[in-house]
PDB file of all heavy atoms in Angstrom:
ATOM      1  N   ASP A   1       0.740   8.290   6.081  1.00  0.00           N
ATOM      2  CA  ASP A   1       0.714   8.030   4.636  1.00  0.00           C
ATOM      3  C   ASP A   1       0.057   6.687   4.336  1.00  0.00           C
ATOM      4  O   ASP A   1      -0.744   6.565   3.396  1.00  0.00           O
ATOM      5  CB  ASP A   1       2.138   8.029   4.063  1.00  0.00           C
ATOM      6  CG  ASP A   1       2.800   9.384   4.088  1.00  0.00           C
ATOM      7  OD1 ASP A   1       2.077  10.397   4.086  1.00  0.00           O
ATOM      8  OD2 ASP A   1       4.048   9.434   4.106  1.00  0.00           O
ATOM      9  N   ILE A   2       0.409   5.680   5.111  1.00  0.00           N
ATOM     10  CA  ILE A   2      -0.138   4.338   4.894  1.00  0.00           C
ATOM     11  C   ILE A   2      -1.634   4.322   5.191  1.00  0.00           C
ATOM     12  O   ILE A   2      -2.433   3.772   4.424  1.00  0.00           O
ATOM     13  CB  ILE A   2       0.595   3.301   5.769  1.00  0.00           C
ATOM     14  CG1 ILE A   2       2.095   3.303   5.484  1.00  0.00           C
ATOM     15  CG2 ILE A   2       0.007   1.911   5.553  1.00  0.00           C
ATOM     16  CD1 ILE A   2       2.477   2.947   4.076  1.00  0.00           C
ATOM     17  N   ALA A   3      -2.032   4.933   6.300  1.00  0.00           N
ATOM     18  CA  ALA A   3      -3.437   4.924   6.703  1.00  0.00           C
ATOM     19  C   ALA A   3      -4.328   5.621   5.682  1.00  0.00           C
ATOM     20  O   ALA A   3      -5.497   5.238   5.497  1.00  0.00           O
ATOM     21  CB  ALA A   3      -3.590   5.580   8.073  1.00  0.00           C
ATOM     22  N   SER A   4      -3.804   6.625   5.003  1.00  0.00           N
ATOM     23  CA  SER A   4      -4.623   7.428   4.101  1.00  0.00           C
ATOM     24  C   SER A   4      -4.621   6.930   2.658  1.00  0.00           C
ATOM     25  O   SER A   4      -5.250   7.547   1.796  1.00  0.00           O
ATOM     26  CB  SER A   4      -4.170   8.889   4.144  1.00  0.00           C
ATOM     27  OG  SER A   4      -2.832   9.014   3.673  1.00  0.00           O
ATOM     28  N   LEU A   5      -3.932   5.835   2.359  1.00  0.00           N
ATOM     29  CA  LEU A   5      -3.906   5.316   0.988  1.00  0.00           C
ATOM     30  C   LEU A   5      -5.305   4.920   0.518  1.00  0.00           C
ATOM     31  O   LEU A   5      -6.055   4.254   1.239  1.00  0.00           O
ATOM     32  CB  LEU A   5      -2.985   4.101   0.895  1.00  0.00           C
ATOM     33  CG  LEU A   5      -1.486   4.348   1.041  1.00  0.00           C
ATOM     34  CD1 LEU A   5      -0.729   3.022   1.064  1.00  0.00           C
ATOM     35  CD2 LEU A   5      -0.957   5.242  -0.076  1.00  0.00           C
ATOM     36  N   THR A   6      -5.640   5.340  -0.696  1.00  0.00           N
ATOM     37  CA  THR A   6      -6.913   4.965  -1.322  1.00  0.00           C
ATOM     38  C   THR A   6      -6.612   4.451  -2.738  1.00  0.00           C
ATOM     39  O   THR A   6      -6.785   5.172  -3.714  1.00  0.00           O
ATOM     40  CB  THR A   6      -7.892   6.151  -1.373  1.00  0.00           C
ATOM     41  OG1 THR A   6      -7.243   7.252  -2.020  1.00  0.00           O
ATOM     42  CG2 THR A   6      -8.323   6.557   0.027  1.00  0.00           C
ATOM     43  N   PRO A   7      -6.144   3.219  -2.847  1.00  0.00           N
ATOM     44  CA  PRO A   7      -5.688   2.717  -4.145  1.00  0.00           C
ATOM     45  C   PRO A   7      -6.809   2.594  -5.169  1.00  0.00           C
ATOM     46  O   PRO A   7      -7.974   2.352  -4.841  1.00  0.00           O
ATOM     47  CB  PRO A   7      -5.128   1.331  -3.799  1.00  0.00           C
ATOM     48  CG  PRO A   7      -4.917   1.340  -2.331  1.00  0.00           C
ATOM     49  CD  PRO A   7      -5.948   2.249  -1.768  1.00  0.00           C
ATOM     50  N   ASP A   8      -6.426   2.751  -6.415  1.00  0.00           N
ATOM     51  CA  ASP A   8      -7.271   2.399  -7.549  1.00  0.00           C
ATOM     52  C   ASP A   8      -7.017   0.918  -7.816  1.00  0.00           C
ATOM     53  O   ASP A   8      -5.980   0.540  -8.365  1.00  0.00           O
ATOM     54  CB  ASP A   8      -6.886   3.253  -8.763  1.00  0.00           C
ATOM     55  CG  ASP A   8      -7.670   2.898 -10.021  1.00  0.00           C
ATOM     56  OD1 ASP A   8      -8.197   1.771 -10.114  1.00  0.00           O
ATOM     57  OD2 ASP A   8      -7.726   3.741 -10.932  1.00  0.00           O
ATOM     58  N   MET A   9      -7.942   0.066  -7.390  1.00  0.00           N
ATOM     59  CA  MET A   9      -7.685  -1.370  -7.398  1.00  0.00           C
ATOM     60  C   MET A   9      -7.481  -1.918  -8.812  1.00  0.00           C
ATOM     61  O   MET A   9      -6.688  -2.836  -9.016  1.00  0.00           O
ATOM     62  CB  MET A   9      -8.807  -2.123  -6.683  1.00  0.00           C
ATOM     63  CG  MET A   9      -8.862  -1.853  -5.185  1.00  0.00           C
ATOM     64  SD  MET A   9      -7.310  -2.313  -4.340  1.00  0.00           S
ATOM     65  CE  MET A   9      -7.676  -1.745  -2.667  1.00  0.00           C
ATOM     66  N   ARG A  10      -8.155  -1.354  -9.809  1.00  0.00           N
ATOM     67  CA  ARG A  10      -7.933  -1.822 -11.179  1.00  0.00           C
ATOM     68  C   ARG A  10      -6.515  -1.486 -11.625  1.00  0.00           C
ATOM     69  O   ARG A  10      -5.848  -2.291 -12.289  1.00  0.00           O
ATOM     70  CB  ARG A  10      -8.955  -1.186 -12.124  1.00  0.00           C
ATOM     71  CG  ARG A  10     -10.355  -1.746 -11.970  1.00  0.00           C
ATOM     72  CD  ARG A  10     -11.257  -1.291 -13.090  1.00  0.00           C
ATOM     73  NE  ARG A  10     -12.592  -1.865 -12.987  1.00  0.00           N
ATOM     74  CZ  ARG A  10     -13.566  -1.685 -13.881  1.00  0.00           C
ATOM     75  NH1 ARG A  10     -13.324  -0.947 -14.962  1.00  0.00           N
ATOM     76  NH2 ARG A  10     -14.728  -2.236 -13.712  1.00  0.00           N
ATOM     77  N   ALA A  11      -6.042  -0.307 -11.237  1.00  0.00           N
ATOM     78  CA  ALA A  11      -4.680   0.084 -11.605  1.00  0.00           C
ATOM     79  C   ALA A  11      -3.654  -0.772 -10.861  1.00  0.00           C
ATOM     80  O   ALA A  11      -2.628  -1.158 -11.428  1.00  0.00           O
ATOM     81  CB  ALA A  11      -4.460   1.565 -11.302  1.00  0.00           C
ATOM     82  N   VAL A  12      -3.917  -1.086  -9.589  1.00  0.00           N
ATOM     83  CA  VAL A  12      -3.018  -1.955  -8.825  1.00  0.00           C
ATOM     84  C   VAL A  12      -2.970  -3.339  -9.459  1.00  0.00           C
ATOM     85  O   VAL A  12      -1.896  -3.938  -9.606  1.00  0.00           O
ATOM     86  CB  VAL A  12      -3.453  -2.039  -7.346  1.00  0.00           C
ATOM     87  CG1 VAL A  12      -2.626  -3.086  -6.597  1.00  0.00           C
ATOM     88  CG2 VAL A  12      -3.313  -0.679  -6.660  1.00  0.00           C
ATOM     89  N   ALA A  13      -4.115  -3.856  -9.859  1.00  0.00           N
ATOM     90  CA  ALA A  13      -4.176  -5.195 -10.471  1.00  0.00           C
ATOM     91  C   ALA A  13      -3.425  -5.254 -11.787  1.00  0.00           C
ATOM     92  O   ALA A  13      -2.947  -6.327 -12.184  1.00  0.00           O
ATOM     93  CB  ALA A  13      -5.629  -5.608 -10.669  1.00  0.00           C
ATOM     94  N   ALA A  14      -3.299  -4.114 -12.465  1.00  0.00           N
ATOM     95  CA  ALA A  14      -2.613  -4.080 -13.760  1.00  0.00           C
ATOM     96  C   ALA A  14      -1.097  -3.977 -13.629  1.00  0.00           C
ATOM     97  O   ALA A  14      -0.380  -4.132 -14.625  1.00  0.00           O
ATOM     98  CB  ALA A  14      -3.135  -2.904 -14.584  1.00  0.00           C
ATOM     99  N   LEU A  15      -0.587  -3.750 -12.421  1.00  0.00           N
ATOM    100  CA  LEU A  15       0.855  -3.647 -12.210  1.00  0.00           C
ATOM    101  C   LEU A  15       1.498  -5.035 -12.330  1.00  0.00           C
ATOM    102  O   LEU A  15       0.816  -6.058 -12.187  1.00  0.00           O
ATOM    103  CB  LEU A  15       1.135  -3.037 -10.838  1.00  0.00           C
ATOM    104  CG  LEU A  15       0.683  -1.572 -10.671  1.00  0.00           C
ATOM    105  CD1 LEU A  15       0.760  -1.149  -9.210  1.00  0.00           C
ATOM    106  CD2 LEU A  15       1.515  -0.638 -11.544  1.00  0.00           C
ATOM    107  N   PRO A  16       2.817  -5.116 -12.535  1.00  0.00           N
ATOM    108  CA  PRO A  16       3.446  -6.422 -12.783  1.00  0.00           C
ATOM    109  C   PRO A  16       3.660  -7.281 -11.539  1.00  0.00           C
ATOM    110  O   PRO A  16       4.219  -8.373 -11.657  1.00  0.00           O
ATOM    111  CB  PRO A  16       4.793  -6.039 -13.413  1.00  0.00           C
ATOM    112  CG  PRO A  16       5.068  -4.658 -12.949  1.00  0.00           C
ATOM    113  CD  PRO A  16       3.733  -3.992 -12.812  1.00  0.00           C
ATOM    114  N   TYR A  17       3.237  -6.827 -10.360  1.00  0.00           N
ATOM    115  CA  TYR A  17       3.383  -7.608  -9.134  1.00  0.00           C
ATOM    116  C   TYR A  17       2.001  -8.019  -8.621  1.00  0.00           C
ATOM    117  O   TYR A  17       1.042  -7.246  -8.702  1.00  0.00           O
ATOM    118  CB  TYR A  17       4.127  -6.812  -8.065  1.00  0.00           C
ATOM    119  CG  TYR A  17       5.548  -6.480  -8.476  1.00  0.00           C
ATOM    120  CD1 TYR A  17       5.828  -5.316  -9.187  1.00  0.00           C
ATOM    121  CD2 TYR A  17       6.589  -7.367  -8.206  1.00  0.00           C
ATOM    122  CE1 TYR A  17       7.115  -5.026  -9.606  1.00  0.00           C
ATOM    123  CE2 TYR A  17       7.875  -7.076  -8.622  1.00  0.00           C
ATOM    124  CZ  TYR A  17       8.140  -5.909  -9.324  1.00  0.00           C
ATOM    125  OH  TYR A  17       9.409  -5.638  -9.739  1.00  0.00           O
ATOM    126  N   LYS A  18       1.918  -9.214  -8.055  1.00  0.00           N
ATOM    127  CA  LYS A  18       0.627  -9.732  -7.606  1.00  0.00           C
ATOM    128  C   LYS A  18       0.127  -9.018  -6.354  1.00  0.00           C
ATOM    129  O   LYS A  18      -1.079  -8.987  -6.102  1.00  0.00           O
ATOM    130  CB  LYS A  18       0.729 -11.241  -7.361  1.00  0.00           C
ATOM    131  CG  LYS A  18       0.961 -12.041  -8.626  1.00  0.00           C
ATOM    132  CD  LYS A  18       1.017 -13.526  -8.343  1.00  0.00           C
ATOM    133  CE  LYS A  18       1.227 -14.325  -9.626  1.00  0.00           C
ATOM    134  NZ  LYS A  18       1.269 -15.786  -9.377  1.00  0.00           N
ATOM    135  N   GLY A  19       1.044  -8.483  -5.545  1.00  0.00           N
ATOM    136  CA  GLY A  19       0.628  -7.789  -4.334  1.00  0.00           C
ATOM    137  C   GLY A  19       1.576  -6.657  -3.998  1.00  0.00           C
ATOM    138  O   GLY A  19       2.779  -6.751  -4.263  1.00  0.00           O
ATOM    139  N   LEU A  20       1.039  -5.579  -3.425  1.00  0.00           N
ATOM    140  CA  LEU A  20       1.846  -4.441  -2.990  1.00  0.00           C
ATOM    141  C   LEU A  20       1.807  -4.361  -1.472  1.00  0.00           C
ATOM    142  O   LEU A  20       0.724  -4.275  -0.872  1.00  0.00           O
ATOM    143  CB  LEU A  20       1.315  -3.126  -3.580  1.00  0.00           C
ATOM    144  CG  LEU A  20       1.264  -2.997  -5.104  1.00  0.00           C
ATOM    145  CD1 LEU A  20       0.835  -1.584  -5.474  1.00  0.00           C
ATOM    146  CD2 LEU A  20       2.600  -3.346  -5.743  1.00  0.00           C
ATOM    147  N   ILE A  21       2.999  -4.408  -0.845  1.00  0.00           N
ATOM    148  CA  ILE A  21       3.133  -4.263   0.601  1.00  0.00           C
ATOM    149  C   ILE A  21       3.549  -2.821   0.868  1.00  0.00           C
ATOM    150  O   ILE A  21       4.682  -2.437   0.589  1.00  0.00           O
ATOM    151  CB  ILE A  21       4.201  -5.213   1.168  1.00  0.00           C
ATOM    152  CG1 ILE A  21       3.970  -6.652   0.719  1.00  0.00           C
ATOM    153  CG2 ILE A  21       4.262  -5.118   2.687  1.00  0.00           C
ATOM    154  CD1 ILE A  21       5.191  -7.538   0.886  1.00  0.00           C
ATOM    155  N   CYS A  22       2.650  -2.017   1.383  1.00  0.00           N
ATOM    156  CA  CYS A  22       2.937  -0.605   1.656  1.00  0.00           C
ATOM    157  C   CYS A  22       3.301  -0.462   3.126  1.00  0.00           C
ATOM    158  O   CYS A  22       2.565  -0.937   4.008  1.00  0.00           O
ATOM    159  CB  CYS A  22       1.735   0.249   1.310  1.00  0.00           C
ATOM    160  SG  CYS A  22       1.271   0.138  -0.437  1.00  0.00           S
ATOM    161  N   THR A  23       4.415   0.199   3.424  1.00  0.00           N
ATOM    162  CA  THR A  23       4.938   0.212   4.786  1.00  0.00           C
ATOM    163  C   THR A  23       5.590   1.540   5.114  1.00  0.00           C
ATOM    164  O   THR A  23       6.021   2.286   4.227  1.00  0.00           O
ATOM    165  CB  THR A  23       5.944  -0.948   4.993  1.00  0.00           C
ATOM    166  OG1 THR A  23       6.290  -1.041   6.370  1.00  0.00           O
ATOM    167  CG2 THR A  23       7.204  -0.747   4.168  1.00  0.00           C
ATOM    168  N   ALA A  24       5.657   1.824   6.436  1.00  0.00           N
ATOM    169  CA  ALA A  24       6.285   3.044   6.949  1.00  0.00           C
ATOM    170  C   ALA A  24       6.574   2.829   8.432  1.00  0.00           C
ATOM    171  O   ALA A  24       6.051   1.889   9.048  1.00  0.00           O
ATOM    172  CB  ALA A  24       5.357   4.244   6.763  1.00  0.00           C
ATOM    173  N   PRO A  25       7.406   3.697   9.036  1.00  0.00           N
ATOM    174  CA  PRO A  25       7.624   3.597  10.488  1.00  0.00           C
ATOM    175  C   PRO A  25       6.307   3.776  11.238  1.00  0.00           C
ATOM    176  O   PRO A  25       5.428   4.546  10.819  1.00  0.00           O
ATOM    177  CB  PRO A  25       8.587   4.753  10.777  1.00  0.00           C
ATOM    178  CG  PRO A  25       9.196   5.106   9.474  1.00  0.00           C
ATOM    179  CD  PRO A  25       8.172   4.786   8.426  1.00  0.00           C
ATOM    180  N   GLY A  26       6.166   3.061  12.362  1.00  0.00           N
ATOM    181  CA  GLY A  26       4.963   3.182  13.176  1.00  0.00           C
ATOM    182  C   GLY A  26       5.096   4.271  14.221  1.00  0.00           C
ATOM    183  O   GLY A  26       6.208   4.682  14.570  1.00  0.00           O
ATOM    184  N   ASN A  27       3.959   4.722  14.734  1.00  0.00           N
ATOM    185  CA  ASN A  27       3.960   5.691  15.831  1.00  0.00           C
ATOM    186  C   ASN A  27       4.010   4.999  17.189  1.00  0.00           C
ATOM    187  O   ASN A  27       4.664   5.478  18.108  1.00  0.00           O
ATOM    188  CB  ASN A  27       2.728   6.590  15.734  1.00  0.00           C
ATOM    189  CG  ASN A  27       2.745   7.456  14.485  1.00  0.00           C
ATOM    190  OD1 ASN A  27       3.801   7.904  14.047  1.00  0.00           O
ATOM    191  ND2 ASN A  27       1.572   7.679  13.896  1.00  0.00           N
ATOM    192  N   ASP A  28       3.321   3.871  17.316  1.00  0.00           N
ATOM    193  CA  ASP A  28       3.295   3.128  18.578  1.00  0.00           C
ATOM    194  C   ASP A  28       3.799   1.700  18.385  1.00  0.00           C
ATOM    195  O   ASP A  28       3.485   0.806  19.170  1.00  0.00           O
ATOM    196  CB  ASP A  28       1.891   3.127  19.178  1.00  0.00           C
ATOM    197  CG  ASP A  28       0.854   2.557  18.223  1.00  0.00           C
ATOM    198  OD1 ASP A  28       1.193   2.272  17.049  1.00  0.00           O
ATOM    199  OD2 ASP A  28      -0.305   2.385  18.635  1.00  0.00           O
ATOM    200  N   CYS A  29       4.556   1.488  17.315  1.00  0.00           N
ATOM    201  CA  CYS A  29       5.180   0.195  17.032  1.00  0.00           C
ATOM    202  C   CYS A  29       6.362   0.482  16.111  1.00  0.00           C
ATOM    203  O   CYS A  29       6.617   1.636  15.751  1.00  0.00           O
ATOM    204  CB  CYS A  29       4.182  -0.769  16.377  1.00  0.00           C
ATOM    205  SG  CYS A  29       3.525  -0.172  14.805  1.00  0.00           S
ATOM    206  N   ASP A  30       7.086  -0.555  15.735  1.00  0.00           N
ATOM    207  CA  ASP A  30       8.268  -0.322  14.892  1.00  0.00           C
ATOM    208  C   ASP A  30       7.906   0.003  13.451  1.00  0.00           C
ATOM    209  O   ASP A  30       8.542   0.857  12.824  1.00  0.00           O
ATOM    210  CB  ASP A  30       9.197  -1.538  14.954  1.00  0.00           C
ATOM    211  CG  ASP A  30       9.834  -1.688  16.318  1.00  0.00           C
ATOM    212  OD1 ASP A  30      10.455  -0.720  16.790  1.00  0.00           O
ATOM    213  OD2 ASP A  30       9.692  -2.769  16.925  1.00  0.00           O
TER     214      ASP A  30
END
């Protein structure tokens, strides 16, 4: 899910947070 994200950067910039940390369990890491 994380690898395939294709954000709309203008829409992300319009959100109320300065940065989005997208995360999920790893396959070869935690």
